[in-house]
PDB file of N, CA and C in Angstrom:
ATOM      1  N   UNK A   1      80.874 130.324 144.515  1.00  0.00           N
ATOM      2  CA  UNK A   1      82.165 130.242 145.122  1.00  0.00           C
ATOM      3  C   UNK A   1      83.229 130.958 144.212  1.00  0.00           C
ATOM      4  N   UNK A   2      84.052 131.739 144.765  1.00  0.00           N
ATOM      5  CA  UNK A   2      85.057 132.520 144.173  1.00  0.00           C
ATOM      6  C   UNK A   2      86.351 131.597 143.996  1.00  0.00           C
ATOM      7  N   UNK A   3      86.919 131.545 142.818  1.00  0.00           N
ATOM      8  CA  UNK A   3      88.052 130.667 142.616  1.00  0.00           C
ATOM      9  C   UNK A   3      89.348 131.161 143.283  1.00  0.00           C
ATOM     10  N   UNK A   4      89.450 132.410 143.255  1.00  0.00           N
ATOM     11  CA  UNK A   4      90.699 132.965 143.893  1.00  0.00           C
ATOM     12  C   UNK A   4      90.310 134.478 144.364  1.00  0.00           C
ATOM     13  N   UNK A   5      91.030 134.961 145.324  1.00  0.00           N
ATOM     14  CA  UNK A   5      90.723 136.329 145.831  1.00  0.00           C
ATOM     15  C   UNK A   5      91.208 137.367 144.952  1.00  0.00           C
ATOM     16  N   UNK A   6      90.360 138.358 144.744  1.00  0.00           N
ATOM     17  CA  UNK A   6      90.690 139.520 143.934  1.00  0.00           C
ATOM     18  C   UNK A   6      90.658 140.759 144.857  1.00  0.00           C
ATOM     19  N   UNK A   7      91.746 141.411 145.063  1.00  0.00           N
ATOM     20  CA  UNK A   7      91.741 142.607 145.995  1.00  0.00           C
ATOM     21  C   UNK A   7      92.808 143.496 145.359  1.00  0.00           C
ATOM     22  N   UNK A   8      92.446 144.823 145.539  1.00  0.00           N
ATOM     23  CA  UNK A   8      93.321 145.844 144.945  1.00  0.00           C
ATOM     24  C   UNK A   8      93.208 147.104 145.840  1.00  0.00           C
ATOM     25  N   UNK A   9      94.398 147.680 146.025  1.00  0.00           N
ATOM     26  CA  UNK A   9      94.383 149.057 146.821  1.00  0.00           C
ATOM     27  C   UNK A   9      95.554 149.845 146.152  1.00  0.00           C
ATOM     28  N   UNK A  10      95.147 150.977 145.574  1.00  0.00           N
ATOM     29  CA  UNK A  10      96.085 151.914 144.944  1.00  0.00           C
ATOM     30  C   UNK A  10      95.889 153.268 145.336  1.00  0.00           C
ATOM     31  N   UNK A  11      96.999 154.090 145.177  1.00  0.00           N
ATOM     32  CA  UNK A  11      96.910 155.466 145.621  1.00  0.00           C
ATOM     33  C   UNK A  11      97.414 156.358 144.486  1.00  0.00           C
ATOM     34  N   UNK A  12      96.986 157.665 144.505  1.00  0.00           N
ATOM     35  CA  UNK A  12      97.468 158.574 143.585  1.00  0.00           C
ATOM     36  C   UNK A  12      97.713 159.806 144.425  1.00  0.00           C
ATOM     37  N   UNK A  13      98.989 160.384 144.425  1.00  0.00           N
ATOM     38  CA  UNK A  13      99.323 161.602 145.203  1.00  0.00           C
ATOM     39  C   UNK A  13     100.063 162.645 144.376  1.00  0.00           C
ATOM     40  N   UNK A  14      99.766 163.815 144.574  1.00  0.00           N
ATOM     41  CA  UNK A  14     100.499 164.911 143.859  1.00  0.00           C
ATOM     42  C   UNK A  14     100.466 166.107 144.840  1.00  0.00           C
ATOM     43  N   UNK A  15     101.482 166.269 145.636  1.00  0.00           N
ATOM     44  CA  UNK A  15     101.423 167.400 146.653  1.00  0.00           C
ATOM     45  C   UNK A  15     101.314 168.781 146.026  1.00  0.00           C
ATOM     46  N   UNK A  16     101.793 168.980 144.805  1.00  0.00           N
ATOM     47  CA  UNK A  16     101.708 170.298 144.145  1.00  0.00           C
ATOM     48  C   UNK A  16     100.219 170.673 143.903  1.00  0.00           C
ATOM     49  N   UNK A  17      99.345 169.604 143.722  1.00  0.00           N
ATOM     50  CA  UNK A  17      98.012 169.910 143.414  1.00  0.00           C
ATOM     51  C   UNK A  17      97.083 169.513 144.613  1.00  0.00           C
ATOM     52  N   UNK A  18      97.735 169.287 145.798  1.00  0.00           N
ATOM     53  CA  UNK A  18      96.977 168.868 147.090  1.00  0.00           C
ATOM     54  C   UNK A  18      96.137 167.671 146.699  1.00  0.00           C
ATOM     55  N   UNK A  19      96.593 166.663 145.995  1.00  0.00           N
ATOM     56  CA  UNK A  19      95.846 165.542 145.653  1.00  0.00           C
ATOM     57  C   UNK A  19      96.442 164.290 146.459  1.00  0.00           C
ATOM     58  N   UNK A  20      95.540 163.584 147.092  1.00  0.00           N
ATOM     59  CA  UNK A  20      95.907 162.361 147.835  1.00  0.00           C
ATOM     60  C   UNK A  20      94.673 161.461 147.753  1.00  0.00           C
ATOM     61  N   UNK A  21      94.557 160.612 146.813  1.00  0.00           N
ATOM     62  CA  UNK A  21      93.429 159.778 146.597  1.00  0.00           C
ATOM     63  C   UNK A  21      93.771 158.270 146.652  1.00  0.00           C
ATOM     64  N   UNK A  22      92.670 157.502 147.036  1.00  0.00           N
ATOM     65  CA  UNK A  22      92.885 156.032 147.091  1.00  0.00           C
ATOM     66  C   UNK A  22      91.751 155.425 146.288  1.00  0.00           C
ATOM     67  N   UNK A  23      91.946 154.257 145.865  1.00  0.00           N
ATOM     68  CA  UNK A  23      90.924 153.430 145.131  1.00  0.00           C
ATOM     69  C   UNK A  23      91.128 151.967 145.583  1.00  0.00           C
ATOM     70  N   UNK A  24      90.063 151.375 146.005  1.00  0.00           N
ATOM     71  CA  UNK A  24      90.120 149.985 146.524  1.00  0.00           C
ATOM     72  C   UNK A  24      89.012 149.166 145.793  1.00  0.00           C
ATOM     73  N   UNK A  25      89.311 147.914 145.448  1.00  0.00           N
ATOM     74  CA  UNK A  25      88.290 146.960 144.790  1.00  0.00           C
ATOM     75  C   UNK A  25      88.487 145.563 145.397  1.00  0.00           C
ATOM     76  N   UNK A  26      87.419 144.861 145.457  1.00  0.00           N
ATOM     77  CA  UNK A  26      87.521 143.472 145.798  1.00  0.00           C
ATOM     78  C   UNK A  26      86.297 142.701 145.198  1.00  0.00           C
ATOM     79  N   UNK A  27      86.495 141.415 144.897  1.00  0.00           N
ATOM     80  CA  UNK A  27      85.419 140.616 144.453  1.00  0.00           C
ATOM     81  C   UNK A  27      85.064 139.629 145.588  1.00  0.00           C
ATOM     82  N   UNK A  28      83.771 139.634 145.959  1.00  0.00           N
ATOM     83  CA  UNK A  28      83.386 138.800 147.157  1.00  0.00           C
ATOM     84  C   UNK A  28      81.958 138.274 146.890  1.00  0.00           C
ATOM     85  N   UNK A  29      81.643 137.112 147.530  1.00  0.00           N
ATOM     86  CA  UNK A  29      80.333 136.674 147.374  1.00  0.00           C
ATOM     87  C   UNK A  29      79.370 137.357 148.475  1.00  0.00           C
ATOM     88  N   UNK A  30      78.037 137.456 148.236  1.00  0.00           N
ATOM     89  CA  UNK A  30      77.148 138.067 149.164  1.00  0.00           C
ATOM     90  C   UNK A  30      76.324 136.836 149.790  1.00  0.00           C
ATOM     91  N   UNK A  31      75.463 137.129 150.701  1.00  0.00           N
ATOM     92  CA  UNK A  31      74.751 136.102 151.385  1.00  0.00           C
ATOM     93  C   UNK A  31      73.796 135.260 150.406  1.00  0.00           C
ATOM     94  N   UNK A  32      73.465 135.842 149.311  1.00  0.00           N
ATOM     95  CA  UNK A  32      72.438 135.196 148.414  1.00  0.00           C
ATOM     96  C   UNK A  32      73.216 134.430 147.340  1.00  0.00           C
ATOM     97  N   UNK A  33      74.518 134.314 147.342  1.00  0.00           N
ATOM     98  CA  UNK A  33      75.259 133.514 146.392  1.00  0.00           C
ATOM     99  C   UNK A  33      75.704 134.318 145.168  1.00  0.00           C
ATOM    100  N   UNK A  34      75.330 135.565 145.009  1.00  0.00           N
ATOM    101  CA  UNK A  34      75.761 136.450 143.925  1.00  0.00           C
ATOM    102  C   UNK A  34      77.216 136.805 144.168  1.00  0.00           C
ATOM    103  N   UNK A  35      77.843 137.134 143.036  1.00  0.00           N
ATOM    104  CA  UNK A  35      79.244 137.666 143.145  1.00  0.00           C
ATOM    105  C   UNK A  35      79.127 139.184 143.019  1.00  0.00           C
ATOM    106  N   UNK A  36      79.875 139.841 143.893  1.00  0.00           N
ATOM    107  CA  UNK A  36      79.848 141.347 143.971  1.00  0.00           C
ATOM    108  C   UNK A  36      81.181 141.919 143.835  1.00  0.00           C
ATOM    109  N   UNK A  37      81.242 142.932 143.081  1.00  0.00           N
ATOM    110  CA  UNK A  37      82.495 143.750 142.958  1.00  0.00           C
ATOM    111  C   UNK A  37      82.345 145.023 143.748  1.00  0.00           C
ATOM    112  N   UNK A  38      83.047 145.128 144.935  1.00  0.00           N
ATOM    113  CA  UNK A  38      82.894 146.279 145.765  1.00  0.00           C
ATOM    114  C   UNK A  38      83.982 147.278 145.400  1.00  0.00           C
ATOM    115  N   UNK A  39      83.616 148.557 145.165  1.00  0.00           N
ATOM    116  CA  UNK A  39      84.586 149.602 144.777  1.00  0.00           C
ATOM    117  C   UNK A  39      84.512 150.695 145.852  1.00  0.00           C
ATOM    118  N   UNK A  40      85.601 151.146 146.370  1.00  0.00           N
ATOM    119  CA  UNK A  40      85.673 152.196 147.303  1.00  0.00           C
ATOM    120  C   UNK A  40      86.759 153.223 146.897  1.00  0.00           C
ATOM    121  N   UNK A  41      86.425 154.490 147.033  1.00  0.00           N
ATOM    122  CA  UNK A  41      87.373 155.571 146.565  1.00  0.00           C
ATOM    123  C   UNK A  41      87.142 156.816 147.420  1.00  0.00           C
ATOM    124  N   UNK A  42      88.149 157.648 147.434  1.00  0.00           N
ATOM    125  CA  UNK A  42      88.059 158.933 148.041  1.00  0.00           C
ATOM    126  C   UNK A  42      89.413 159.525 148.382  1.00  0.00           C
ATOM    127  N   UNK A  43      89.406 160.502 149.274  1.00  0.00           N
ATOM    128  CA  UNK A  43      90.679 161.139 149.675  1.00  0.00           C
ATOM    129  C   UNK A  43      91.286 160.310 150.784  1.00  0.00           C
ATOM    130  N   UNK A  44      92.567 160.109 150.701  1.00  0.00           N
ATOM    131  CA  UNK A  44      93.289 159.297 151.704  1.00  0.00           C
ATOM    132  C   UNK A  44      93.003 159.903 153.133  1.00  0.00           C
ATOM    133  N   UNK A  45      92.644 159.016 154.018  1.00  0.00           N
ATOM    134  CA  UNK A  45      92.330 159.499 155.395  1.00  0.00           C
ATOM    135  C   UNK A  45      90.823 159.725 155.612  1.00  0.00           C
ATOM    136  N   UNK A  46      89.987 159.631 154.563  1.00  0.00           N
ATOM    137  CA  UNK A  46      88.590 159.814 154.758  1.00  0.00           C
ATOM    138  C   UNK A  46      87.834 158.499 154.440  1.00  0.00           C
ATOM    139  N   UNK A  47      86.555 158.501 154.751  1.00  0.00           N
ATOM    140  CA  UNK A  47      85.772 157.260 154.540  1.00  0.00           C
ATOM    141  C   UNK A  47      85.518 157.006 152.984  1.00  0.00           C
ATOM    142  N   UNK A  48      85.334 158.152 152.283  1.00  0.00           N
ATOM    143  CA  UNK A  48      85.149 158.056 150.813  1.00  0.00           C
ATOM    144  C   UNK A  48      83.761 157.600 150.453  1.00  0.00           C
ATOM    145  N   UNK A  49      83.592 157.022 149.288  1.00  0.00           N
ATOM    146  CA  UNK A  49      82.392 156.548 148.664  1.00  0.00           C
ATOM    147  C   UNK A  49      82.563 155.081 148.399  1.00  0.00           C
ATOM    148  N   UNK A  50      81.335 154.376 148.209  1.00  0.00           N
ATOM    149  CA  UNK A  50      81.366 152.927 147.893  1.00  0.00           C
ATOM    150  C   UNK A  50      80.316 152.645 146.838  1.00  0.00           C
ATOM    151  N   UNK A  51      80.616 151.714 145.957  1.00  0.00           N
ATOM    152  CA  UNK A  51      79.604 151.244 144.944  1.00  0.00           C
ATOM    153  C   UNK A  51      79.786 149.747 144.899  1.00  0.00           C
ATOM    154  N   UNK A  52      78.662 149.033 144.802  1.00  0.00           N
ATOM    155  CA  UNK A  52      78.610 147.584 144.742  1.00  0.00           C
ATOM    156  C   UNK A  52      77.956 147.154 143.380  1.00  0.00           C
ATOM    157  N   UNK A  53      78.594 146.317 142.546  1.00  0.00           N
ATOM    158  CA  UNK A  53      78.107 145.718 141.325  1.00  0.00           C
ATOM    159  C   UNK A  53      77.813 144.319 141.668  1.00  0.00           C
ATOM    160  N   UNK A  54      76.585 143.853 141.203  1.00  0.00           N
ATOM    161  CA  UNK A  54      76.210 142.395 141.379  1.00  0.00           C
ATOM    162  C   UNK A  54      76.218 141.747 140.054  1.00  0.00           C
ATOM    163  N   UNK A  55      76.810 140.540 140.140  1.00  0.00           N
ATOM    164  CA  UNK A  55      76.981 139.639 138.956  1.00  0.00           C
ATOM    165  C   UNK A  55      76.439 138.200 139.268  1.00  0.00           C
ATOM    166  N   UNK A  56      76.017 137.579 138.184  1.00  0.00           N
ATOM    167  CA  UNK A  56      75.642 136.104 138.274  1.00  0.00           C
ATOM    168  C   UNK A  56      76.787 135.242 138.077  1.00  0.00           C
ATOM    169  N   UNK A  57      77.863 135.630 137.391  1.00  0.00           N
ATOM    170  CA  UNK A  57      78.979 134.818 137.172  1.00  0.00           C
ATOM    171  C   UNK A  57      80.292 135.530 137.507  1.00  0.00           C
ATOM    172  N   UNK A  58      81.257 134.891 138.013  1.00  0.00           N
ATOM    173  CA  UNK A  58      82.567 135.384 138.432  1.00  0.00           C
ATOM    174  C   UNK A  58      83.258 136.051 137.301  1.00  0.00           C
ATOM    175  N   UNK A  59      83.171 135.398 136.073  1.00  0.00           N
ATOM    176  CA  UNK A  59      83.918 135.996 134.950  1.00  0.00           C
ATOM    177  C   UNK A  59      83.522 137.423 134.584  1.00  0.00           C
ATOM    178  N   UNK A  60      82.332 137.725 134.761  1.00  0.00           N
ATOM    179  CA  UNK A  60      81.807 139.104 134.452  1.00  0.00           C
ATOM    180  C   UNK A  60      82.459 140.070 135.438  1.00  0.00           C
ATOM    181  N   UNK A  61      82.460 139.723 136.658  1.00  0.00           N
ATOM    182  CA  UNK A  61      83.093 140.559 137.778  1.00  0.00           C
ATOM    183  C   UNK A  61      84.583 140.787 137.437  1.00  0.00           C
ATOM    184  N   UNK A  62      85.209 139.649 137.178  1.00  0.00           N
ATOM    185  CA  UNK A  62      86.689 139.747 136.880  1.00  0.00           C
ATOM    186  C   UNK A  62      86.961 140.689 135.668  1.00  0.00           C
ATOM    187  N   UNK A  63      86.207 140.556 134.706  1.00  0.00           N
ATOM    188  CA  UNK A  63      86.292 141.384 133.457  1.00  0.00           C
ATOM    189  C   UNK A  63      86.199 142.882 133.849  1.00  0.00           C
ATOM    190  N   UNK A  64      85.213 143.264 134.691  1.00  0.00           N
ATOM    191  CA  UNK A  64      85.102 144.585 135.045  1.00  0.00           C
ATOM    192  C   UNK A  64      86.286 145.021 136.034  1.00  0.00           C
ATOM    193  N   UNK A  65      86.628 144.201 136.858  1.00  0.00           N
ATOM    194  CA  UNK A  65      87.819 144.381 137.787  1.00  0.00           C
ATOM    195  C   UNK A  65      89.025 144.748 136.964  1.00  0.00           C
ATOM    196  N   UNK A  66      89.335 143.942 135.986  1.00  0.00           N
ATOM    197  CA  UNK A  66      90.592 144.146 135.201  1.00  0.00           C
ATOM    198  C   UNK A  66      90.439 145.378 134.349  1.00  0.00           C
ATOM    199  N   UNK A  67      89.261 145.689 133.823  1.00  0.00           N
ATOM    200  CA  UNK A  67      89.063 146.939 133.039  1.00  0.00           C
ATOM    201  C   UNK A  67      89.309 148.192 133.877  1.00  0.00           C
ATOM    202  N   UNK A  68      88.729 148.136 135.151  1.00  0.00           N
ATOM    203  CA  UNK A  68      88.938 149.288 136.029  1.00  0.00           C
ATOM    204  C   UNK A  68      90.420 149.407 136.470  1.00  0.00           C
ATOM    205  N   UNK A  69      91.074 148.320 136.630  1.00  0.00           N
ATOM    206  CA  UNK A  69      92.470 148.236 136.969  1.00  0.00           C
ATOM    207  C   UNK A  69      93.315 148.966 135.861  1.00  0.00           C
ATOM    208  N   UNK A  70      93.095 148.670 134.614  1.00  0.00           N
ATOM    209  CA  UNK A  70      93.701 149.325 133.563  1.00  0.00           C
ATOM    210  C   UNK A  70      93.466 150.845 133.501  1.00  0.00           C
ATOM    211  N   UNK A  71      92.172 151.184 133.689  1.00  0.00           N
ATOM    212  CA  UNK A  71      91.783 152.615 133.726  1.00  0.00           C
ATOM    213  C   UNK A  71      92.567 153.369 134.858  1.00  0.00           C
ATOM    214  N   UNK A  72      92.547 152.804 136.061  1.00  0.00           N
ATOM    215  CA  UNK A  72      93.202 153.479 137.166  1.00  0.00           C
ATOM    216  C   UNK A  72      94.715 153.589 136.919  1.00  0.00           C
ATOM    217  N   UNK A  73      95.315 152.575 136.267  1.00  0.00           N
ATOM    218  CA  UNK A  73      96.740 152.581 135.994  1.00  0.00           C
ATOM    219  C   UNK A  73      97.097 153.674 135.027  1.00  0.00           C
ATOM    220  N   UNK A  74      96.222 153.922 134.055  1.00  0.00           N
ATOM    221  CA  UNK A  74      96.436 155.014 133.043  1.00  0.00           C
ATOM    222  C   UNK A  74      96.283 156.398 133.663  1.00  0.00           C
ATOM    223  N   UNK A  75      95.538 156.485 134.743  1.00  0.00           N
ATOM    224  CA  UNK A  75      95.325 157.786 135.415  1.00  0.00           C
ATOM    225  C   UNK A  75      96.399 158.096 136.538  1.00  0.00           C
ATOM    226  N   UNK A  76      97.323 157.184 136.753  1.00  0.00           N
ATOM    227  CA  UNK A  76      98.392 157.461 137.594  1.00  0.00           C
ATOM    228  C   UNK A  76      98.302 156.817 139.034  1.00  0.00           C
ATOM    229  N   UNK A  77      97.298 155.910 139.162  1.00  0.00           N
ATOM    230  CA  UNK A  77      97.230 155.255 140.473  1.00  0.00           C
ATOM    231  C   UNK A  77      98.234 154.133 140.506  1.00  0.00           C
ATOM    232  N   UNK A  78      98.948 154.082 141.664  1.00  0.00           N
ATOM    233  CA  UNK A  78      99.977 153.100 141.899  1.00  0.00           C
ATOM    234  C   UNK A  78      99.827 152.339 143.206  1.00  0.00           C
ATOM    235  N   UNK A  79     100.409 151.122 143.411  1.00  0.00           N
ATOM    236  CA  UNK A  79     100.317 150.530 144.788  1.00  0.00           C
ATOM    237  C   UNK A  79     101.079 151.386 145.781  1.00  0.00           C
ATOM    238  N   UNK A  80     100.652 151.366 146.948  1.00  0.00           N
ATOM    239  CA  UNK A  80     101.311 152.145 148.025  1.00  0.00           C
ATOM    240  C   UNK A  80     102.794 151.668 148.176  1.00  0.00           C
ATOM    241  N   UNK A  81     103.700 152.574 148.279  1.00  0.00           N
ATOM    242  CA  UNK A  81     105.138 152.240 148.336  1.00  0.00           C
ATOM    243  C   UNK A  81     105.580 152.032 149.778  1.00  0.00           C
ATOM    244  N   UNK A  82     104.946 152.574 150.796  1.00  0.00           N
ATOM    245  CA  UNK A  82     105.343 152.416 152.144  1.00  0.00           C
ATOM    246  C   UNK A  82     104.094 152.207 153.037  1.00  0.00           C
ATOM    247  N   UNK A  83     104.377 151.643 154.132  1.00  0.00           N
ATOM    248  CA  UNK A  83     103.247 151.328 155.150  1.00  0.00           C
ATOM    249  C   UNK A  83     102.866 152.682 155.862  1.00  0.00           C
ATOM    250  N   UNK A  84     101.582 152.798 156.168  1.00  0.00           N
ATOM    251  CA  UNK A  84     101.197 154.041 156.863  1.00  0.00           C
ATOM    252  C   UNK A  84     101.729 153.945 158.227  1.00  0.00           C
ATOM    253  N   UNK A  85     101.873 155.198 158.769  1.00  0.00           N
ATOM    254  CA  UNK A  85     102.498 155.395 160.162  1.00  0.00           C
ATOM    255  C   UNK A  85     101.403 155.361 161.259  1.00  0.00           C
TER     256      UNK A  85
END
């Protein structure tokens, strides 16, 4: 059982470089009771790619979640400032 929800959606845009990327993460249980960190990324408006990490304990998943959050922040990813049209 997950103690609290972990969800993140951030974007990185630079019109001069034709860059429009998104990165999303969430920690969720699977049907077998394992804790999973789901990562999705790609160009905004596309389906992108997905990776799933399986963990036995929630603390391990949270540690990776926070580490990836710091990495994405350093690379310029920020929460979306406006709602999509």
